[in-house]
Amino acid sequence: MRAIRGKVGVVAALVLALALALSALAGLGTRPTGIPDDGPWAVQLTEPEGDWASCLDDPALTSPTTWQSTVTAVFATGATEADVQRVLDCLSDAMTGGSVQVGTVEPVDA
């Protein structure tokens, strides 16, 4: 039980850190206007609609975390701005509704 509680705490801390660190917001069905200069980056989808799930299978992303109607995926160590742009382009083409946010995250110790 303690291990599960610890993982939930790490996920909650990551989501909170992402929410606080987001630097580019997007409207319904649009993509962010900019990518922060330095990572580590994360992408967050709120109430996503459409066939977007395969975009998060990108090898530059870690496993997505879903909480209520929000999906968050952190880019792996070594990901580049080109990796972020590739994922955003995929989401832009695939999403029919919802919002996309990209920002930076603070590393969370497990």
Protein backbone atom coordinates (compact mmCIF):
# COMPACT_ATOMS: atom_id res chain seq x y z
CA MET A 1 0.00 0.00 0.00
CA ARG A 2 2.84 2.39 0.81
CA ALA A 3 4.44 1.86 -2.64
CA ILE A 4 1.16 2.73 -4.34
CA ARG A 5 0.73 5.84 -2.21
CA GLY A 6 4.29 6.88 -3.09
CA LYS A 7 3.64 6.51 -6.82
CA VAL A 8 0.42 8.50 -6.55
CA GLY A 9 2.37 11.22 -4.75
CA VAL A 10 5.01 11.30 -7.47
CA VAL A 11 2.35 11.53 -10.20
CA ALA A 12 0.49 14.24 -8.28
CA ALA A 13 3.72 16.19 -7.78
CA LEU A 14 4.54 15.88 -11.49
CA VAL A 15 1.09 17.08 -12.54
CA LEU A 16 1.30 19.97 -10.08
CA ALA A 17 4.80 20.91 -11.26
CA LEU A 18 3.64 20.78 -14.87
CA ALA A 19 0.60 22.93 -14.15
CA LEU A 20 2.76 25.52 -12.44
CA ALA A 21 5.49 25.48 -15.09
CA LEU A 22 3.42 25.65 -18.27
CA SER A 23 4.52 28.53 -20.40
CA ALA A 24 2.40 28.21 -23.53
CA LEU A 25 -1.35 27.73 -23.47
CA ALA A 26 -3.59 26.79 -26.37
CA GLY A 27 -7.28 27.19 -27.11
CA LEU A 28 -9.75 24.50 -28.06
CA GLY A 29 -8.25 22.20 -30.66
CA THR A 30 -5.20 24.38 -31.28
CA ARG A 31 -1.56 23.90 -30.46
CA PRO A 32 0.73 26.07 -28.37
CA THR A 33 2.33 29.13 -29.88
CA GLY A 34 5.80 28.33 -28.55
CA ILE A 35 8.04 25.76 -27.01
CA PRO A 36 10.11 26.74 -23.96
CA ASP A 37 13.78 27.11 -24.85
CA ASP A 38 15.09 24.41 -22.51
CA GLY A 39 13.67 21.12 -21.26
CA PRO A 40 12.86 18.87 -19.67
CA TRP A 41 9.57 19.30 -21.52
CA ALA A 42 6.13 17.84 -21.00
CA VAL A 43 2.93 17.92 -22.99
CA GLN A 44 -0.50 18.02 -21.39
CA LEU A 45 -3.82 17.35 -23.13
CA THR A 46 -7.04 18.52 -21.52
CA GLU A 47 -10.26 16.84 -22.62
CA PRO A 48 -8.64 15.55 -25.82
CA GLU A 49 -10.88 14.41 -28.65
CA GLY A 50 -10.04 12.60 -31.86
CA ASP A 51 -7.52 9.91 -32.72
CA TRP A 52 -4.62 11.43 -30.76
CA ALA A 53 -3.44 8.46 -28.66
CA SER A 54 -0.89 7.20 -31.20
CA CYS A 55 0.88 10.58 -31.03
CA LEU A 56 1.86 9.78 -27.44
CA ASP A 57 3.48 6.49 -28.54
CA ASP A 58 6.41 8.57 -29.79
CA PRO A 59 9.76 7.17 -28.59
CA ALA A 60 10.75 10.62 -27.27
CA LEU A 61 7.97 10.42 -24.65
CA THR A 62 7.71 8.53 -21.39
CA SER A 63 4.50 6.66 -20.61
CA PRO A 64 1.55 9.04 -20.43
CA THR A 65 -0.29 9.56 -17.15
CA THR A 66 -4.05 10.09 -17.16
CA TRP A 67 -5.85 11.90 -14.39
CA GLN A 68 -9.55 12.66 -14.88
CA SER A 69 -9.79 14.35 -18.31
CA THR A 70 -6.09 15.29 -18.48
CA VAL A 71 -3.29 13.30 -20.11
CA THR A 72 0.33 14.23 -19.36
CA ALA A 73 3.47 12.86 -20.99
CA VAL A 74 7.02 13.91 -20.16
CA PHE A 75 9.72 13.90 -22.81
CA ALA A 76 12.58 11.50 -22.15
CA THR A 77 16.05 12.67 -21.19
CA GLY A 78 17.86 13.72 -24.34
CA ALA A 79 14.70 14.76 -26.21
CA THR A 80 15.19 17.75 -28.48
CA GLU A 81 13.00 20.67 -29.50
CA ALA A 82 12.50 18.87 -32.83
CA ASP A 83 11.04 15.90 -30.90
CA VAL A 84 8.62 18.23 -29.12
CA GLN A 85 7.59 19.85 -32.41
CA ARG A 86 7.03 16.43 -34.04
CA VAL A 87 4.66 15.39 -31.25
CA LEU A 88 2.85 18.75 -31.36
CA ASP A 89 2.43 18.47 -35.14
CA CYS A 90 0.96 14.99 -34.72
CA LEU A 91 -1.45 16.21 -32.03
CA SER A 92 -2.44 19.19 -34.15
CA ASP A 93 -3.39 16.87 -37.01
CA ALA A 94 -5.07 14.22 -34.85
CA MET A 95 -7.02 16.17 -32.22
CA THR A 96 -10.51 17.36 -33.06
CA GLY A 97 -11.10 19.05 -29.70
CA GLY A 98 -9.56 19.75 -26.35
CA SER A 99 -6.44 21.73 -25.59
CA VAL A 100 -2.70 21.14 -25.74
CA GLN A 101 -0.19 22.71 -23.42
CA VAL A 102 3.57 22.31 -23.52
CA GLY A 103 5.92 23.40 -20.83
CA THR A 104 8.83 22.40 -18.70
CA VAL A 105 8.82 20.23 -15.60
CA GLU A 106 11.00 20.11 -12.55
CA PRO A 107 12.54 16.68 -11.97
CA VAL A 108 10.62 14.76 -9.30
CA ASP A 109 12.53 12.40 -7.02
CA ALA A 110 10.83 9.04 -6.63
